[in-house]
Amino acid sequence: MLAEDYRQLELAAADRAMLDYVAKLTITPSRIEKADVEHLRQAGFSDSAILDICQVACYYAFVNRLADGLGVEVEEYMRE
């Protein structure tokens, strides 16, 4: 369910703020502003947690682009 559209779910404000940030970072990374990071702070995330969120999102984006660039096929069990 989460993979389809997190915006349709009832989530805690902090979870929604995190997912909004990650979505923006993934889809339009050049549009990230200091205000986006400040919004995470206001949602209760520490600077350390914000760094973790950013690093994990960036890592997954990197791995996905690497796999796409090499033409890696998705395993059948991952499609379900």
PDB file of N, CA and C in Angstrom:
ATOM      1  N   MET A   1       0.824  -1.193   0.000  1.00  0.00           N
ATOM      2  CA  MET A   1       0.000   0.000   0.000  1.00  0.00           C
ATOM      3  C   MET A   1       0.867   1.256   0.000  1.00  0.00           C
ATOM      4  N   LEU A   2       1.898   1.290   0.801  1.00  0.00           N
ATOM      5  CA  LEU A   2       2.742   2.476   0.889  1.00  0.00           C
ATOM      6  C   LEU A   2       3.421   2.778  -0.437  1.00  0.00           C
ATOM      7  N   ALA A   3       3.805   1.750  -1.159  1.00  0.00           N
ATOM      8  CA  ALA A   3       4.497   1.953  -2.430  1.00  0.00           C
ATOM      9  C   ALA A   3       3.589   2.601  -3.471  1.00  0.00           C
ATOM     10  N   GLU A   4       2.282   2.432  -3.342  1.00  0.00           N
ATOM     11  CA  GLU A   4       1.367   2.985  -4.329  1.00  0.00           C
ATOM     12  C   GLU A   4       1.243   4.497  -4.193  1.00  0.00           C
ATOM     13  N   ASP A   5       0.860   4.999  -3.022  1.00  0.00           N
ATOM     14  CA  ASP A   5       0.760   6.440  -2.806  1.00  0.00           C
ATOM     15  C   ASP A   5       0.590   6.718  -1.323  1.00  0.00           C
ATOM     16  N   TYR A   6       1.667   7.082  -0.684  1.00  0.00           N
ATOM     17  CA  TYR A   6       1.648   7.326   0.760  1.00  0.00           C
ATOM     18  C   TYR A   6       0.715   8.472   1.130  1.00  0.00           C
ATOM     19  N   ARG A   7       0.441   9.369   0.183  1.00  0.00           N
ATOM     20  CA  ARG A   7      -0.404  10.529   0.486  1.00  0.00           C
ATOM     21  C   ARG A   7      -1.853  10.144   0.748  1.00  0.00           C
ATOM     22  N   GLN A   8      -2.223   8.928   0.366  1.00  0.00           N
ATOM     23  CA  GLN A   8      -3.588   8.459   0.591  1.00  0.00           C
ATOM     24  C   GLN A   8      -3.768   7.815   1.963  1.00  0.00           C
ATOM     25  N   LEU A   9      -2.677   7.649   2.705  1.00  0.00           N
ATOM     26  CA  LEU A   9      -2.721   6.975   3.999  1.00  0.00           C
ATOM     27  C   LEU A   9      -2.781   7.967   5.141  1.00  0.00           C
ATOM     28  N   GLU A  10      -3.342   7.520   6.249  1.00  0.00           N
ATOM     29  CA  GLU A  10      -3.309   8.315   7.472  1.00  0.00           C
ATOM     30  C   GLU A  10      -1.969   8.055   8.142  1.00  0.00           C
ATOM     31  N   LEU A  11      -1.134   9.070   8.181  1.00  0.00           N
ATOM     32  CA  LEU A  11       0.208   8.940   8.741  1.00  0.00           C
ATOM     33  C   LEU A  11       0.435  10.011   9.795  1.00  0.00           C
ATOM     34  N   ALA A  12       1.349   9.732  10.699  1.00  0.00           N
ATOM     35  CA  ALA A  12       1.773  10.744  11.659  1.00  0.00           C
ATOM     36  C   ALA A  12       2.418  11.891  10.882  1.00  0.00           C
ATOM     37  N   ALA A  13       2.335  13.086  11.433  1.00  0.00           N
ATOM     38  CA  ALA A  13       2.880  14.270  10.761  1.00  0.00           C
ATOM     39  C   ALA A  13       4.366  14.108  10.443  1.00  0.00           C
ATOM     40  N   ALA A  14       5.120  13.519  11.351  1.00  0.00           N
ATOM     41  CA  ALA A  14       6.558  13.328  11.126  1.00  0.00           C
ATOM     42  C   ALA A  14       6.803  12.365   9.966  1.00  0.00           C
ATOM     43  N   ASP A  15       6.021  11.302   9.898  1.00  0.00           N
ATOM     44  CA  ASP A  15       6.180  10.339   8.801  1.00  0.00           C
ATOM     45  C   ASP A  15       5.850  10.987   7.460  1.00  0.00           C
ATOM     46  N   ARG A  16       4.785  11.782   7.432  1.00  0.00           N
ATOM     47  CA  ARG A  16       4.409  12.462   6.190  1.00  0.00           C
ATOM     48  C   ARG A  16       5.496  13.459   5.780  1.00  0.00           C
ATOM     49  N   ALA A  17       6.033  14.201   6.741  1.00  0.00           N
ATOM     50  CA  ALA A  17       7.097  15.160   6.433  1.00  0.00           C
ATOM     51  C   ALA A  17       8.312  14.445   5.851  1.00  0.00           C
ATOM     52  N   MET A  18       8.663  13.308   6.444  1.00  0.00           N
ATOM     53  CA  MET A  18       9.804  12.541   5.956  1.00  0.00           C
ATOM     54  C   MET A  18       9.554  12.057   4.529  1.00  0.00           C
ATOM     55  N   LEU A  19       8.388  11.495   4.275  1.00  0.00           N
ATOM     56  CA  LEU A  19       8.088  10.964   2.949  1.00  0.00           C
ATOM     57  C   LEU A  19       7.973  12.075   1.910  1.00  0.00           C
ATOM     58  N   ASP A  20       7.422  13.230   2.298  1.00  0.00           N
ATOM     59  CA  ASP A  20       7.376  14.373   1.379  1.00  0.00           C
ATOM     60  C   ASP A  20       8.789  14.797   0.984  1.00  0.00           C
ATOM     61  N   TYR A  21       9.680  14.852   1.973  1.00  0.00           N
ATOM     62  CA  TYR A  21      11.072  15.227   1.717  1.00  0.00           C
ATOM     63  C   TYR A  21      11.743  14.213   0.790  1.00  0.00           C
ATOM     64  N   VAL A  22      11.574  12.938   1.088  1.00  0.00           N
ATOM     65  CA  VAL A  22      12.205  11.887   0.281  1.00  0.00           C
ATOM     66  C   VAL A  22      11.655  11.898  -1.145  1.00  0.00           C
ATOM     67  N   ALA A  23      10.359  12.101  -1.291  1.00  0.00           N
ATOM     68  CA  ALA A  23       9.775  12.158  -2.636  1.00  0.00           C
ATOM     69  C   ALA A  23      10.357  13.328  -3.424  1.00  0.00           C
ATOM     70  N   LYS A  24      10.444  14.485  -2.787  1.00  0.00           N
ATOM     71  CA  LYS A  24      11.006  15.660  -3.466  1.00  0.00           C
ATOM     72  C   LYS A  24      12.474  15.435  -3.806  1.00  0.00           C
ATOM     73  N   LEU A  25      13.223  14.871  -2.874  1.00  0.00           N
ATOM     74  CA  LEU A  25      14.641  14.599  -3.100  1.00  0.00           C
ATOM     75  C   LEU A  25      14.838  13.613  -4.248  1.00  0.00           C
ATOM     76  N   THR A  26      13.940  12.660  -4.371  1.00  0.00           N
ATOM     77  CA  THR A  26      14.046  11.636  -5.408  1.00  0.00           C
ATOM     78  C   THR A  26      13.619  12.154  -6.776  1.00  0.00           C
ATOM     79  N   ILE A  27      12.520  12.888  -6.810  1.00  0.00           N
ATOM     80  CA  ILE A  27      11.932  13.303  -8.086  1.00  0.00           C
ATOM     81  C   ILE A  27      12.522  14.615  -8.604  1.00  0.00           C
ATOM     82  N   THR A  28      12.734  15.569  -7.698  1.00  0.00           N
ATOM     83  CA  THR A  28      13.245  16.888  -8.102  1.00  0.00           C
ATOM     84  C   THR A  28      14.346  17.338  -7.138  1.00  0.00           C
ATOM     85  N   PRO A  29      15.473  16.656  -7.136  1.00  0.00           N
ATOM     86  CA  PRO A  29      16.520  16.956  -6.156  1.00  0.00           C
ATOM     87  C   PRO A  29      17.044  18.388  -6.222  1.00  0.00           C
ATOM     88  N   SER A  30      17.040  18.998  -7.380  1.00  0.00           N
ATOM     89  CA  SER A  30      17.557  20.365  -7.491  1.00  0.00           C
ATOM     90  C   SER A  30      16.641  21.395  -6.836  1.00  0.00           C
ATOM     91  N   ARG A  31      15.450  20.988  -6.454  1.00  0.00           N
ATOM     92  CA  ARG A  31      14.502  21.910  -5.820  1.00  0.00           C
ATOM     93  C   ARG A  31      14.506  21.837  -4.291  1.00  0.00           C
ATOM     94  N   ILE A  32      15.352  20.984  -3.735  1.00  0.00           N
ATOM     95  CA  ILE A  32      15.461  20.923  -2.276  1.00  0.00           C
ATOM     96  C   ILE A  32      16.025  22.247  -1.781  1.00  0.00           C
ATOM     97  N   GLU A  33      15.395  22.787  -0.738  1.00  0.00           N
ATOM     98  CA  GLU A  33      15.809  24.060  -0.155  1.00  0.00           C
ATOM     99  C   GLU A  33      16.030  23.892   1.342  1.00  0.00           C
ATOM    100  N   LYS A  34      16.637  24.888   1.946  1.00  0.00           N
ATOM    101  CA  LYS A  34      16.828  24.866   3.395  1.00  0.00           C
ATOM    102  C   LYS A  34      15.494  24.712   4.116  1.00  0.00           C
ATOM    103  N   ALA A  35      14.447  25.267   3.544  1.00  0.00           N
ATOM    104  CA  ALA A  35      13.117  25.178   4.155  1.00  0.00           C
ATOM    105  C   ALA A  35      12.639  23.729   4.255  1.00  0.00           C
ATOM    106  N   ASP A  36      13.033  22.892   3.314  1.00  0.00           N
ATOM    107  CA  ASP A  36      12.646  21.480   3.362  1.00  0.00           C
ATOM    108  C   ASP A  36      13.289  20.791   4.555  1.00  0.00           C
ATOM    109  N   VAL A  37      14.550  21.098   4.789  1.00  0.00           N
ATOM    110  CA  VAL A  37      15.259  20.526   5.938  1.00  0.00           C
ATOM    111  C   VAL A  37      14.677  21.092   7.230  1.00  0.00           C
ATOM    112  N   GLU A  38      14.365  22.368   7.227  1.00  0.00           N
ATOM    113  CA  GLU A  38      13.774  22.992   8.421  1.00  0.00           C
ATOM    114  C   GLU A  38      12.419  22.366   8.744  1.00  0.00           C
ATOM    115  N   HIS A  39      11.671  22.021   7.720  1.00  0.00           N
ATOM    116  CA  HIS A  39      10.373  21.365   7.936  1.00  0.00           C
ATOM    117  C   HIS A  39      10.563  20.026   8.655  1.00  0.00           C
ATOM    118  N   LEU A  40      11.615  19.307   8.313  1.00  0.00           N
ATOM    119  CA  LEU A  40      11.907  18.050   9.013  1.00  0.00           C
ATOM    120  C   LEU A  40      12.261  18.318  10.475  1.00  0.00           C
ATOM    121  N   ARG A  41      13.031  19.360  10.720  1.00  0.00           N
ATOM    122  CA  ARG A  41      13.364  19.722  12.111  1.00  0.00           C
ATOM    123  C   ARG A  41      12.096  20.048  12.893  1.00  0.00           C
ATOM    124  N   GLN A  42      11.209  20.814  12.279  1.00  0.00           N
ATOM    125  CA  GLN A  42       9.958  21.190  12.941  1.00  0.00           C
ATOM    126  C   GLN A  42       9.074  19.977  13.191  1.00  0.00           C
ATOM    127  N   ALA A  43       9.241  18.939  12.382  1.00  0.00           N
ATOM    128  CA  ALA A  43       8.474  17.703  12.567  1.00  0.00           C
ATOM    129  C   ALA A  43       9.075  16.831  13.665  1.00  0.00           C
ATOM    130  N   GLY A  44      10.239  17.248  14.198  1.00  0.00           N
ATOM    131  CA  GLY A  44      10.825  16.531  15.317  1.00  0.00           C
ATOM    132  C   GLY A  44      12.083  15.745  15.013  1.00  0.00           C
ATOM    133  N   PHE A  45      12.580  15.842  13.793  1.00  0.00           N
ATOM    134  CA  PHE A  45      13.784  15.098  13.435  1.00  0.00           C
ATOM    135  C   PHE A  45      15.038  15.869  13.840  1.00  0.00           C
ATOM    136  N   SER A  46      15.984  15.161  14.404  1.00  0.00           N
ATOM    137  CA  SER A  46      17.279  15.756  14.739  1.00  0.00           C
ATOM    138  C   SER A  46      18.107  15.888  13.465  1.00  0.00           C
ATOM    139  N   ASP A  47      19.173  16.661  13.540  1.00  0.00           N
ATOM    140  CA  ASP A  47      20.055  16.781  12.380  1.00  0.00           C
ATOM    141  C   ASP A  47      20.639  15.427  11.992  1.00  0.00           C
ATOM    142  N   SER A  48      20.942  14.613  12.980  1.00  0.00           N
ATOM    143  CA  SER A  48      21.471  13.275  12.712  1.00  0.00           C
ATOM    144  C   SER A  48      20.439  12.418  11.980  1.00  0.00           C
ATOM    145  N   ALA A  49      19.190  12.500  12.403  1.00  0.00           N
ATOM    146  CA  ALA A  49      18.129  11.732  11.749  1.00  0.00           C
ATOM    147  C   ALA A  49      17.898  12.236  10.325  1.00  0.00           C
ATOM    148  N   ILE A  50      17.978  13.544  10.134  1.00  0.00           N
ATOM    149  CA  ILE A  50      17.810  14.116   8.796  1.00  0.00           C
ATOM    150  C   ILE A  50      18.926  13.635   7.875  1.00  0.00           C
ATOM    151  N   LEU A  51      20.136  13.581   8.395  1.00  0.00           N
ATOM    152  CA  LEU A  51      21.255  13.050   7.613  1.00  0.00           C
ATOM    153  C   LEU A  51      20.993  11.600   7.228  1.00  0.00           C
ATOM    154  N   ASP A  52      20.507  10.805   8.170  1.00  0.00           N
ATOM    155  CA  ASP A  52      20.182   9.402   7.878  1.00  0.00           C
ATOM    156  C   ASP A  52      19.122   9.296   6.788  1.00  0.00           C
ATOM    157  N   ILE A  53      18.066  10.095   6.901  1.00  0.00           N
ATOM    158  CA  ILE A  53      16.984  10.080   5.914  1.00  0.00           C
ATOM    159  C   ILE A  53      17.539  10.408   4.531  1.00  0.00           C
ATOM    160  N   CYS A  54      18.338  11.451   4.463  1.00  0.00           N
ATOM    161  CA  CYS A  54      18.917  11.883   3.190  1.00  0.00           C
ATOM    162  C   CYS A  54      19.845  10.819   2.616  1.00  0.00           C
ATOM    163  N   GLN A  55      20.701  10.259   3.449  1.00  0.00           N
ATOM    164  CA  GLN A  55      21.648   9.254   2.964  1.00  0.00           C
ATOM    165  C   GLN A  55      20.943   8.005   2.450  1.00  0.00           C
ATOM    166  N   VAL A  56      19.936   7.542   3.152  1.00  0.00           N
ATOM    167  CA  VAL A  56      19.219   6.342   2.714  1.00  0.00           C
ATOM    168  C   VAL A  56      18.498   6.610   1.395  1.00  0.00           C
ATOM    169  N   ALA A  57      17.818   7.756   1.294  1.00  0.00           N
ATOM    170  CA  ALA A  57      17.113   8.085   0.052  1.00  0.00           C
ATOM    171  C   ALA A  57      18.089   8.193  -1.116  1.00  0.00           C
ATOM    172  N   CYS A  58      19.212   8.849  -0.890  1.00  0.00           N
ATOM    173  CA  CYS A  58      20.213   9.011  -1.952  1.00  0.00           C
ATOM    174  C   CYS A  58      20.841   7.678  -2.337  1.00  0.00           C
ATOM    175  N   TYR A  59      21.073   6.830  -1.367  1.00  0.00           N
ATOM    176  CA  TYR A  59      21.654   5.518  -1.651  1.00  0.00           C
ATOM    177  C   TYR A  59      20.720   4.702  -2.544  1.00  0.00           C
ATOM    178  N   TYR A  60      19.432   4.667  -2.194  1.00  0.00           N
ATOM    179  CA  TYR A  60      18.489   3.897  -3.005  1.00  0.00           C
ATOM    180  C   TYR A  60      18.374   4.476  -4.411  1.00  0.00           C
ATOM    181  N   ALA A  61      18.388   5.806  -4.535  1.00  0.00           N
ATOM    182  CA  ALA A  61      18.348   6.422  -5.862  1.00  0.00           C
ATOM    183  C   ALA A  61      19.585   6.031  -6.665  1.00  0.00           C
ATOM    184  N   PHE A  62      20.743   6.049  -6.014  1.00  0.00           N
ATOM    185  CA  PHE A  62      21.991   5.669  -6.683  1.00  0.00           C
ATOM    186  C   PHE A  62      21.939   4.223  -7.163  1.00  0.00           C
ATOM    187  N   VAL A  63      21.537   3.322  -6.291  1.00  0.00           N
ATOM    188  CA  VAL A  63      21.503   1.900  -6.641  1.00  0.00           C
ATOM    189  C   VAL A  63      20.509   1.652  -7.770  1.00  0.00           C
ATOM    190  N   ASN A  64      19.352   2.301  -7.723  1.00  0.00           N
ATOM    191  CA  ASN A  64      18.366   2.129  -8.787  1.00  0.00           C
ATOM    192  C   ASN A  64      18.890   2.635 -10.121  1.00  0.00           C
ATOM    193  N   ARG A  65      19.548   3.773 -10.124  1.00  0.00           N
ATOM    194  CA  ARG A  65      20.096   4.306 -11.371  1.00  0.00           C
ATOM    195  C   ARG A  65      21.239   3.438 -11.887  1.00  0.00           C
ATOM    196  N   LEU A  66      22.036   2.930 -10.997  1.00  0.00           N
ATOM    197  CA  LEU A  66      23.115   2.029 -11.386  1.00  0.00           C
ATOM    198  C   LEU A  66      22.545   0.775 -12.040  1.00  0.00           C
ATOM    199  N   ALA A  67      21.529   0.195 -11.408  1.00  0.00           N
ATOM    200  CA  ALA A  67      20.901  -1.007 -11.962  1.00  0.00           C
ATOM    201  C   ALA A  67      20.261  -0.710 -13.315  1.00  0.00           C
ATOM    202  N   ASP A  68      19.567   0.424 -13.421  1.00  0.00           N
ATOM    203  CA  ASP A  68      18.968   0.801 -14.701  1.00  0.00           C
ATOM    204  C   ASP A  68      20.042   1.000 -15.765  1.00  0.00           C
ATOM    205  N   GLY A  69      21.132   1.655 -15.386  1.00  0.00           N
ATOM    206  CA  GLY A  69      22.210   1.931 -16.327  1.00  0.00           C
ATOM    207  C   GLY A  69      22.902   0.683 -16.839  1.00  0.00           C
ATOM    208  N   LEU A  70      22.883  -0.365 -16.035  1.00  0.00           N
ATOM    209  CA  LEU A  70      23.507  -1.625 -16.432  1.00  0.00           C
ATOM    210  C   LEU A  70      22.511  -2.621 -17.015  1.00  0.00           C
ATOM    211  N   GLY A  71      21.239  -2.229 -17.054  1.00  0.00           N
ATOM    212  CA  GLY A  71      20.217  -3.115 -17.599  1.00  0.00           C
ATOM    213  C   GLY A  71      19.915  -4.307 -16.718  1.00  0.00           C
ATOM    214  N   VAL A  72      20.082  -4.149 -15.423  1.00  0.00           N
ATOM    215  CA  VAL A  72      19.828  -5.244 -14.486  1.00  0.00           C
ATOM    216  C   VAL A  72      18.334  -5.554 -14.468  1.00  0.00           C
ATOM    217  N   GLU A  73      18.007  -6.820 -14.595  1.00  0.00           N
ATOM    218  CA  GLU A  73      16.615  -7.267 -14.550  1.00  0.00           C
ATOM    219  C   GLU A  73      16.176  -7.441 -13.103  1.00  0.00           C
ATOM    220  N   VAL A  74      14.948  -7.076 -12.819  1.00  0.00           N
ATOM    221  CA  VAL A  74      14.380  -7.244 -11.484  1.00  0.00           C
ATOM    222  C   VAL A  74      14.020  -8.707 -11.279  1.00  0.00           C
ATOM    223  N   GLU A  75      14.384  -9.240 -10.133  1.00  0.00           N
ATOM    224  CA  GLU A  75      14.038 -10.628  -9.803  1.00  0.00           C
ATOM    225  C   GLU A  75      12.516 -10.768  -9.733  1.00  0.00           C
ATOM    226  N   GLU A  76      12.009 -11.921 -10.108  1.00  0.00           N
ATOM    227  CA  GLU A  76      10.571 -12.163 -10.151  1.00  0.00           C
ATOM    228  C   GLU A  76       9.905 -11.905  -8.804  1.00  0.00           C
ATOM    229  N   TYR A  77      10.532 -12.337  -7.710  1.00  0.00           N
ATOM    230  CA  TYR A  77       9.917 -12.171  -6.390  1.00  0.00           C
ATOM    231  C   TYR A  77       9.781 -10.693  -6.013  1.00  0.00           C
ATOM    232  N   MET A  78      10.553  -9.831  -6.614  1.00  0.00           N
ATOM    233  CA  MET A  78      10.492  -8.406  -6.300  1.00  0.00           C
ATOM    234  C   MET A  78       9.357  -7.710  -7.039  1.00  0.00           C
ATOM    235  N   ARG A  79       8.807  -8.349  -8.037  1.00  0.00           N
ATOM    236  CA  ARG A  79       7.721  -7.755  -8.821  1.00  0.00           C
ATOM    237  C   ARG A  79       6.374  -7.926  -8.155  1.00  0.00           C
ATOM    238  N   GLU A  80       6.289  -8.820  -7.205  1.00  0.00           N
ATOM    239  CA  GLU A  80       5.000  -9.123  -6.569  1.00  0.00           C
ATOM    240  C   GLU A  80       4.641  -8.126  -5.517  1.00  0.00           C
TER     241      GLU A  80
END
